């Protein structure tokens, strides 16, 4: 008996027990689909994080603060030891030219007098009228949200360069006694902001401040700077220019004298963060970066991959046990057929080949169907995740399923099915022809 004859007998065996074969194939397909989908999702998540680290992004960001004990030629008048050091345009250019740096985003923070609007028509937080409070407007470039340490809670980010749109943080919600779960309530309302100007009598006159009334378009959690309001860097610069035109900027009223309150430096990759921080420190500025967080993220991603892979492998093992049980039942039911084959000259290895081919056929069909189903599931999950990321103002993600993974799903399912069919095939091969025919 050649392999072609064995394949024909195996196929006829599958067809004669169609119901059982379908259930067995379904169990293999379900396991293969689960494993393929889990590995595809886990691989895409890891690839996305690594891509962000490779090309820069929030995880590869470095915060530069306007304070450092090191004084260099960037300032003509050296400040007293321990005093804040202004970030100059020259310093920004030097940092941007560092070989480890992908980009530099300026952060402009301006003290503001804030008049909130309570959703629903009533203004203020206490009493019938508005209750102003002092806070800060943090201005950043929102042209590339993917590199900002900003996460959306509700709404969207301001349009790049807009002077009429801002986002607020949870600190603003707390002022209005609104929970984070109800963040949507403030989206679409307006907020009045006044940049203070100090006059010769060392007083701030809000009636002569630079008032703007932008629309709140989103609620965010941000780590770009300290302030309850997040807007475009153009809006912050407009407000800062007005405030700096007063008396004694940077004095008792904390009006900054520098055009920058900080910088967001995006490194070219994870391995470039350390060298970039050293070079920035040499220029004279202190820095902070989430390097420990990055390592933790990568470790957790590896753990997730192991867990998801383990779940898929367990599912395949359970499916292989189902194949083994189905094949053992087939051996018991086909004892007469086995006896007839041996009576007409089939050898033990020929009978073994028939059952191994049948097991491999079930595994191949189930693995093929399951792998394709897993690919479809991964694409569906990827579409849902992509919509969520887009709604959050982040770069979308495209789930990619490598051909190697698809091939591994089919080959792995077939191999496990063959392993599961070894015991039934061996039992069928050892069955004596006389006893098989007699019992049949």
Protein backbone atom coordinates (compact mmCIF):
# COMPACT_ATOMS: atom_id res chain seq x y z
CA UNK A 1 0.00 0.00 0.00
CA UNK A 2 1.43 3.38 -1.01
CA UNK A 3 0.79 6.78 0.55
CA UNK A 4 -1.82 7.63 -2.08
CA UNK A 5 -3.87 4.57 -1.15
CA UNK A 6 -3.48 5.44 2.53
CA UNK A 7 -4.71 8.98 1.86
CA UNK A 8 -7.74 7.66 -0.01
CA UNK A 9 -8.70 5.30 2.83
CA UNK A 10 -8.16 8.11 5.34
CA UNK A 11 -10.38 10.48 3.40
CA UNK A 12 -13.13 7.86 3.11
CA UNK A 13 -12.84 7.26 6.87
CA UNK A 14 -13.36 10.96 7.55
CA UNK A 15 -16.37 11.04 5.23
CA UNK A 16 -18.06 7.98 6.75
CA UNK A 17 -17.97 9.52 10.22
CA UNK A 18 -18.81 13.02 9.08
CA UNK A 19 -20.42 14.30 12.27
CA UNK A 20 -17.57 13.22 14.53
CA UNK A 21 -14.99 14.47 12.03
CA UNK A 22 -16.67 17.88 11.82
CA UNK A 23 -16.68 18.25 15.62
CA UNK A 24 -13.02 17.23 15.82
CA UNK A 25 -12.06 19.60 13.00
CA UNK A 26 -14.04 22.37 14.71
CA UNK A 27 -12.13 21.88 17.97
CA UNK A 28 -8.82 22.12 16.12
CA UNK A 29 -10.01 25.16 14.17
CA UNK A 30 -11.16 26.91 17.34
CA UNK A 31 -7.80 26.34 19.03
CA UNK A 32 -5.83 27.45 15.96
CA UNK A 33 -7.99 30.56 15.58
CA UNK A 34 -7.48 31.49 19.22
CA UNK A 35 -3.73 31.02 19.04
CA UNK A 36 -3.38 32.93 15.75
CA UNK A 37 -5.51 35.86 16.91
CA UNK A 38 -3.76 36.13 20.28
CA UNK A 39 -0.28 36.00 18.76
CA UNK A 40 -1.22 38.52 16.07
CA UNK A 41 -2.64 40.99 18.58
CA UNK A 42 0.28 40.55 20.98
CA UNK A 43 2.81 40.89 18.18
CA UNK A 44 1.14 44.02 16.84
CA UNK A 45 1.05 45.60 20.30
CA UNK A 46 4.73 44.92 20.83
CA UNK A 47 5.62 46.13 17.33
CA UNK A 48 3.68 49.36 17.87
CA UNK A 49 5.42 50.09 21.17
CA UNK A 50 8.84 49.27 19.73
CA UNK A 51 8.09 51.43 16.69
CA UNK A 52 7.18 54.33 18.95
CA UNK A 53 10.42 53.87 20.85
CA UNK A 54 12.41 53.56 17.65
CA UNK A 55 11.03 56.67 15.98
CA UNK A 56 10.38 58.63 19.13
CA UNK A 57 7.19 59.30 21.02
CA UNK A 58 5.90 59.81 24.57
CA UNK A 59 7.82 56.80 25.87
CA UNK A 60 11.04 58.16 24.35
CA UNK A 61 10.39 61.70 25.56
CA UNK A 62 12.66 63.77 27.78
CA UNK A 63 11.40 66.71 29.80
CA UNK A 64 13.81 69.62 30.04
CA UNK A 65 13.22 71.89 32.98
CA UNK A 66 14.15 75.54 33.24
CA UNK A 67 16.46 75.05 36.20
CA UNK A 68 20.03 73.79 36.52
CA UNK A 69 23.08 74.45 38.74
CA UNK A 70 25.38 74.53 35.72
CA UNK A 71 25.96 77.98 34.18
CA UNK A 72 27.49 78.35 30.74
CA UNK A 73 27.98 80.93 28.10
CA UNK A 74 24.30 80.85 27.14
CA UNK A 75 23.56 83.65 29.65
CA UNK A 76 25.52 86.84 29.89
CA UNK A 77 24.57 87.40 33.51
CA UNK A 78 25.09 84.30 35.63
CA UNK A 79 22.26 83.81 38.11
CA UNK A 80 22.80 83.00 41.73
CA UNK A 81 23.52 79.34 42.48
CA UNK A 82 20.32 77.31 42.57
CA UNK A 83 18.26 79.93 40.73
CA UNK A 84 16.07 78.88 37.79
CA UNK A 85 17.81 79.10 34.49
CA UNK A 86 15.87 80.45 31.54
CA UNK A 87 15.63 78.33 28.41
CA UNK A 88 16.85 80.43 25.53
CA UNK A 89 16.33 80.08 21.80
CA UNK A 90 20.02 79.31 21.44
CA UNK A 91 19.70 76.47 23.94
CA UNK A 92 16.73 75.07 22.02
CA UNK A 93 18.76 75.11 18.80
CA UNK A 94 21.69 73.36 20.47
CA UNK A 95 19.49 70.65 21.93
CA UNK A 96 17.70 70.14 18.61
CA UNK A 97 21.06 69.67 16.87
CA UNK A 98 22.14 66.81 19.15
CA UNK A 99 22.61 63.55 17.20
CA UNK A 100 20.40 61.59 19.64
CA UNK A 101 17.45 64.01 19.34
CA UNK A 102 14.60 63.50 16.88
CA UNK A 103 12.67 66.68 17.64
CA UNK A 104 12.22 69.41 20.25
CA UNK A 105 8.77 70.71 21.21
CA UNK A 106 8.63 73.96 23.20
CA UNK A 107 6.34 74.22 26.20
CA UNK A 108 5.02 77.67 27.09
CA UNK A 109 3.27 78.07 30.44
CA UNK A 110 1.40 81.27 31.30
CA UNK A 111 -0.36 82.18 34.57
CA UNK A 112 -4.01 82.88 33.89
CA UNK A 113 -7.08 84.19 35.64
CA UNK A 114 -9.77 81.62 34.83
CA UNK A 115 -13.54 82.15 34.77
CA UNK A 116 -15.20 78.75 34.34
CA UNK A 117 -18.64 78.04 32.97
CA UNK A 118 -20.65 75.31 34.64
CA UNK A 119 -22.46 73.09 32.10
CA UNK A 120 -26.22 73.47 32.13
CA UNK A 121 -26.40 77.24 32.10
CA UNK A 122 -25.37 78.19 35.66
CA UNK A 123 -21.98 79.88 35.91
CA UNK A 124 -19.49 79.47 38.72
CA UNK A 125 -18.70 76.90 41.33
CA UNK A 126 -20.15 78.65 44.41
CA UNK A 127 -23.18 80.85 44.35
CA UNK A 128 -25.04 82.30 41.39
CA UNK A 129 -22.13 84.07 39.66
CA UNK A 130 -18.80 82.93 38.20
CA UNK A 131 -16.00 82.31 40.67
CA UNK A 132 -12.59 82.97 39.11
CA UNK A 133 -9.44 81.16 40.12
CA UNK A 134 -5.77 81.38 39.23
CA UNK A 135 -4.14 78.61 37.20
CA UNK A 136 -1.90 78.21 34.16
CA UNK A 137 -2.28 77.72 30.43
CA UNK A 138 0.17 75.15 29.04
CA UNK A 139 0.89 75.65 25.36
CA UNK A 140 2.32 72.85 23.22
CA UNK A 141 2.44 71.99 19.54
CA UNK A 142 -0.42 69.63 18.74
CA UNK A 143 0.53 68.96 15.13
CA UNK A 144 1.78 65.48 16.03
CA UNK A 145 -0.28 64.25 19.02
CA UNK A 146 1.46 60.85 18.97
CA UNK A 147 4.64 62.32 20.49
CA UNK A 148 2.91 64.27 23.27
CA UNK A 149 2.54 63.00 26.85
CA UNK A 150 -1.18 63.69 26.56
CA UNK A 151 -4.09 61.25 26.78
CA UNK A 152 -7.66 62.12 25.91
CA UNK A 153 -10.42 61.45 28.40
CA UNK A 154 -13.18 63.04 26.34
CA UNK A 155 -13.54 65.11 23.19
CA UNK A 156 -10.50 65.91 21.06
CA UNK A 157 -7.31 67.95 21.06
CA UNK A 158 -7.31 71.57 19.87
CA UNK A 159 -6.66 72.23 16.21
CA UNK A 160 -3.01 72.99 15.52
CA UNK A 161 -2.38 76.74 15.87
CA UNK A 162 -5.90 77.48 17.11
CA UNK A 163 -6.46 80.55 19.32
CA UNK A 164 -10.05 79.60 20.07
CA UNK A 165 -9.82 76.01 21.33
CA UNK A 166 -8.38 74.51 24.53
CA UNK A 167 -8.54 71.32 26.56
CA UNK A 168 -8.88 71.10 30.31
CA UNK A 169 -7.56 68.58 32.81
CA UNK A 170 -9.17 66.74 35.68
CA UNK A 171 -8.06 69.59 37.96
CA UNK A 172 -10.52 71.85 36.13
CA UNK A 173 -13.27 69.25 36.53
CA UNK A 174 -12.57 69.13 40.26
CA UNK A 175 -13.02 72.89 40.46
CA UNK A 176 -16.51 72.45 39.04
CA UNK A 177 -17.22 69.35 41.15
CA UNK A 178 -17.59 67.20 38.05
CA UNK A 179 -16.35 63.61 38.07
CA UNK A 180 -14.11 62.19 35.35
CA UNK A 181 -16.94 59.88 34.28
CA UNK A 182 -18.94 63.03 33.39
CA UNK A 183 -16.09 64.73 31.52
CA UNK A 184 -18.22 65.05 28.38
CA UNK A 185 -20.32 67.69 30.16
CA UNK A 186 -17.67 70.39 29.81
CA UNK A 187 -16.90 69.63 26.15
CA UNK A 188 -18.46 72.38 24.04
CA UNK A 189 -18.60 74.95 26.84
CA UNK A 190 -16.44 78.08 26.91
CA UNK A 191 -13.88 79.30 29.39
CA UNK A 192 -12.64 82.88 29.92
CA UNK A 193 -8.89 83.34 30.36
CA UNK A 194 -7.04 86.54 31.22
CA UNK A 195 -3.26 86.89 30.98
CA UNK A 196 -2.19 89.12 33.90
CA UNK A 197 -0.11 92.24 33.48
CA UNK A 198 1.71 93.80 36.42
CA UNK A 199 1.53 97.60 36.57
CA UNK A 200 3.82 100.08 38.36
CA UNK A 201 1.69 99.89 41.51
CA UNK A 202 2.57 96.15 41.55
CA UNK A 203 -1.00 95.08 41.16
CA UNK A 204 -2.87 92.99 38.63
CA UNK A 205 -5.91 94.63 37.10
CA UNK A 206 -8.07 91.87 35.53
CA UNK A 207 -10.15 94.46 33.64
CA UNK A 208 -7.04 95.37 31.68
CA UNK A 209 -5.86 91.82 31.11
CA UNK A 210 -5.79 90.09 27.74
CA UNK A 211 -9.09 88.25 27.82
CA UNK A 212 -9.89 85.36 25.51
CA UNK A 213 -12.87 83.01 25.55
CA UNK A 214 -11.89 79.75 23.85
CA UNK A 215 -14.10 76.69 23.53
CA UNK A 216 -13.30 73.59 25.56
CA UNK A 217 -12.98 70.82 22.98
CA UNK A 218 -11.60 68.04 25.17
CA UNK A 219 -10.58 66.76 28.57
CA UNK A 220 -7.05 65.37 28.88
CA UNK A 221 -4.50 63.92 31.23
CA UNK A 222 -1.25 65.66 30.39
CA UNK A 223 2.32 65.69 31.62
CA UNK A 224 3.64 68.46 29.37
CA UNK A 225 3.54 71.11 32.08
CA UNK A 226 1.81 72.23 35.25
CA UNK A 227 -1.56 73.75 34.49
CA UNK A 228 -5.26 72.95 34.23
CA UNK A 229 -5.59 74.37 30.70
CA UNK A 230 -3.92 72.91 27.58
CA UNK A 231 -3.84 74.89 24.36
CA UNK A 232 -1.79 75.56 21.28
CA UNK A 233 1.66 77.03 21.69
CA UNK A 234 0.49 80.00 19.57
CA UNK A 235 -2.25 80.86 22.07
CA UNK A 236 0.16 80.56 25.00
CA UNK A 237 2.72 82.79 23.28
CA UNK A 238 0.08 85.42 22.59
CA UNK A 239 -0.90 85.44 26.26
CA UNK A 240 2.71 85.41 27.44
CA UNK A 241 3.71 88.33 25.24
CA UNK A 242 0.97 90.45 26.82
CA UNK A 243 1.94 89.44 30.35
CA UNK A 244 5.66 90.06 29.79
CA UNK A 245 4.93 93.61 28.61
CA UNK A 246 4.14 94.54 32.21
CA UNK A 247 6.44 95.44 35.07
CA UNK A 248 8.85 92.99 36.68
CA UNK A 249 8.20 89.78 34.73
CA UNK A 250 9.24 86.75 36.69
CA UNK A 251 8.84 88.55 39.99
CA UNK A 252 6.24 88.14 42.72
CA UNK A 253 3.50 87.29 40.23
CA UNK A 254 5.55 84.46 38.63
CA UNK A 255 5.31 85.83 35.11
CA UNK A 256 8.11 83.99 33.26
CA UNK A 257 10.78 86.07 31.59
CA UNK A 258 11.81 83.27 29.20
CA UNK A 259 9.85 82.40 26.04
CA UNK A 260 9.92 78.76 27.18
CA UNK A 261 8.87 77.18 30.46
CA UNK A 262 10.21 73.80 29.38
CA UNK A 263 10.93 71.52 26.46
CA UNK A 264 9.72 68.12 25.34
CA UNK A 265 12.69 66.44 23.69
CA UNK A 266 11.94 63.32 21.65
CA UNK A 267 14.87 60.93 21.43
CA UNK A 268 15.46 58.87 18.30
CA UNK A 269 15.08 55.67 20.23
CA UNK A 270 15.09 53.97 23.58
CA UNK A 271 18.85 53.52 23.58
CA UNK A 272 19.35 57.21 22.80
CA UNK A 273 17.58 58.56 25.90
CA UNK A 274 20.55 58.18 28.25
CA UNK A 275 23.15 59.80 25.95
CA UNK A 276 20.71 62.62 25.11
CA UNK A 277 20.13 63.39 28.79
CA UNK A 278 23.88 63.53 29.40
CA UNK A 279 24.41 65.98 26.53
CA UNK A 280 21.50 68.16 27.65
CA UNK A 281 22.91 68.22 31.17
CA UNK A 282 26.26 69.35 29.72
CA UNK A 283 24.46 72.25 28.07
CA UNK A 284 23.15 73.18 31.50
CA UNK A 285 19.63 71.89 32.02
CA UNK A 286 18.13 69.24 34.24
CA UNK A 287 16.04 66.52 32.63
CA UNK A 288 13.65 63.72 33.47
CA UNK A 289 12.58 60.72 31.40
CA UNK A 290 10.44 57.59 31.95
CA UNK A 291 13.28 55.11 31.34
CA UNK A 292 12.20 52.77 34.16
CA UNK A 293 8.64 52.90 32.85
CA UNK A 294 9.83 51.92 29.39
CA UNK A 295 11.67 48.88 30.68
CA UNK A 296 8.62 47.90 32.73
CA UNK A 297 6.38 48.24 29.66
CA UNK A 298 8.64 45.97 27.62
CA UNK A 299 8.79 43.39 30.40
CA UNK A 300 5.02 43.39 30.77
CA UNK A 301 4.61 43.04 27.02
CA UNK A 302 6.84 39.97 27.10
CA UNK A 303 4.79 38.51 29.96
CA UNK A 304 1.57 39.18 28.02
CA UNK A 305 3.00 37.42 24.97
CA UNK A 306 3.94 34.39 27.08
CA UNK A 307 0.51 34.23 28.71
CA UNK A 308 -1.39 34.61 25.44
CA UNK A 309 0.80 32.06 23.70
CA UNK A 310 0.31 29.68 26.62
CA UNK A 311 -3.47 30.01 26.36
CA UNK A 312 -3.36 29.20 22.65
CA UNK A 313 -1.01 26.23 23.14
CA UNK A 314 -3.25 24.83 25.88
CA UNK A 315 -6.22 25.12 23.54
CA UNK A 316 -4.30 23.23 20.85
CA UNK A 317 -3.30 20.52 23.35
CA UNK A 318 -6.94 20.11 24.35
CA UNK A 319 -7.85 19.83 20.67
CA UNK A 320 -5.12 17.21 20.17
CA UNK A 321 -6.59 15.18 23.04
CA UNK A 322 -9.92 15.38 21.24
CA UNK A 323 -8.27 14.06 18.08
CA UNK A 324 -6.69 11.21 20.04
CA UNK A 325 -10.03 10.27 21.59
CA UNK A 326 -11.82 10.43 18.24
CA UNK A 327 -9.17 8.27 16.59
CA UNK A 328 -9.27 5.68 19.38
CA UNK A 329 -13.03 5.49 18.94
CA UNK A 330 -12.50 5.07 15.19
CA UNK A 331 -10.11 2.17 15.82
CA UNK A 332 -12.72 0.40 17.92
CA UNK A 333 -15.42 0.98 15.31
CA UNK A 334 -13.23 -0.07 12.36
CA UNK A 335 -11.80 -3.30 13.72
CA UNK A 336 -13.44 -5.31 10.93
CA UNK A 337 -12.06 -2.93 8.28
CA UNK A 338 -8.59 -3.23 9.79
CA UNK A 339 -8.91 -7.03 9.79
CA UNK A 340 -9.95 -7.07 6.14
CA UNK A 341 -7.00 -4.85 5.20
CA UNK A 342 -4.60 -7.16 6.95
CA UNK A 343 -6.26 -10.23 5.47
CA UNK A 344 -5.66 -8.96 1.93
CA UNK A 345 -2.00 -8.24 2.64
CA UNK A 346 -1.78 -4.87 4.38
CA UNK A 347 1.17 -4.66 6.75
CA UNK A 348 1.18 -3.10 10.19
CA UNK A 349 2.89 0.01 8.88
CA UNK A 350 0.27 0.35 6.12
CA UNK A 351 -2.52 0.41 8.71
CA UNK A 352 -0.46 2.84 10.79
CA UNK A 353 -0.09 5.12 7.78
CA UNK A 354 -3.87 5.16 7.17
CA UNK A 355 -4.64 6.39 10.68
CA UNK A 356 -1.73 8.85 10.78
CA UNK A 357 -2.83 10.37 7.46
CA UNK A 358 -6.40 10.61 8.77
CA UNK A 359 -5.22 12.39 11.92
CA UNK A 360 -2.97 14.69 9.89
CA UNK A 361 -5.84 15.44 7.49
CA UNK A 362 -8.10 16.46 10.36
CA UNK A 363 -5.35 18.64 11.81
CA UNK A 364 -4.59 20.24 8.45
CA UNK A 365 -8.20 21.08 7.64
CA UNK A 366 -8.88 22.34 11.16
CA UNK A 367 -5.63 24.29 11.26
CA UNK A 368 -6.29 25.95 7.90
CA UNK A 369 -9.83 26.98 8.80
CA UNK A 370 -8.79 28.10 12.28
CA UNK A 371 -5.78 30.09 11.11
CA UNK A 372 -7.89 31.98 8.58
CA UNK A 373 -10.56 32.57 11.20
CA UNK A 374 -7.88 33.85 13.59
CA UNK A 375 -6.65 36.24 10.91
CA UNK A 376 -10.19 37.59 10.49
CA UNK A 377 -10.61 37.92 14.27
CA UNK A 378 -7.31 39.81 14.54
CA UNK A 379 -8.38 42.23 11.80
CA UNK A 380 -11.72 42.85 13.52
CA UNK A 381 -10.02 43.47 16.87
CA UNK A 382 -7.47 45.68 15.15
CA UNK A 383 -10.24 47.74 13.57
CA UNK A 384 -11.89 48.28 16.94
CA UNK A 385 -8.58 49.29 18.54
CA UNK A 386 -7.79 51.57 15.61
CA UNK A 387 -11.11 53.40 16.00
CA UNK A 388 -10.48 53.86 19.72
CA UNK A 389 -6.97 55.24 19.17
CA UNK A 390 -8.23 57.61 16.48
CA UNK A 391 -10.96 58.89 18.80
CA UNK A 392 -8.30 59.53 21.43
CA UNK A 393 -6.32 61.64 18.96
CA UNK A 394 -3.53 59.07 18.69
CA UNK A 395 -1.98 57.42 15.68
CA UNK A 396 -3.90 54.39 14.48
CA UNK A 397 -2.55 50.88 14.41
CA UNK A 398 -2.73 48.32 11.62
CA UNK A 399 -2.83 44.70 12.68
CA UNK A 400 -0.42 42.72 10.56
CA UNK A 401 -0.42 38.93 10.54
CA UNK A 402 2.90 37.65 9.11
CA UNK A 403 2.74 34.83 6.60
CA UNK A 404 5.12 32.92 8.85
CA UNK A 405 2.53 33.01 11.64
CA UNK A 406 -0.19 31.75 9.29
CA UNK A 407 2.04 28.95 8.06
CA UNK A 408 3.03 28.08 11.62
CA UNK A 409 -0.63 27.83 12.59
CA UNK A 410 -1.37 25.30 9.86
CA UNK A 411 1.85 23.32 10.28
CA UNK A 412 1.58 23.32 14.07
CA UNK A 413 -2.01 22.10 14.02
CA UNK A 414 -1.10 19.32 11.58
CA UNK A 415 1.94 18.30 13.62
CA UNK A 416 -0.04 18.16 16.88
CA UNK A 417 -2.73 16.11 15.15
CA UNK A 418 -0.10 13.65 13.92
CA UNK A 419 1.33 13.35 17.42
CA UNK A 420 -2.18 12.81 18.79
CA UNK A 421 -2.77 10.10 16.17
CA UNK A 422 0.33 8.07 17.00
CA UNK A 423 -1.28 6.05 19.83
CA UNK A 424 -4.48 5.15 17.91
CA UNK A 425 -2.45 4.31 14.79
CA UNK A 426 -0.13 2.09 16.81
CA UNK A 427 -3.07 0.33 18.42
CA UNK A 428 -4.71 -0.23 15.02
CA UNK A 429 -1.45 -1.54 13.54
CA UNK A 430 -1.01 -4.09 16.33
CA UNK A 431 -4.53 -5.46 16.01
CA UNK A 432 -4.33 -9.12 14.81
CA UNK A 433 -6.20 -9.72 11.56
CA UNK A 434 -7.97 -12.89 12.78
CA UNK A 435 -9.27 -11.25 15.98
CA UNK A 436 -10.33 -8.11 14.11
CA UNK A 437 -12.37 -10.03 11.56
CA UNK A 438 -13.86 -12.31 14.21
CA UNK A 439 -14.88 -9.40 16.49
CA UNK A 440 -16.22 -7.44 13.53
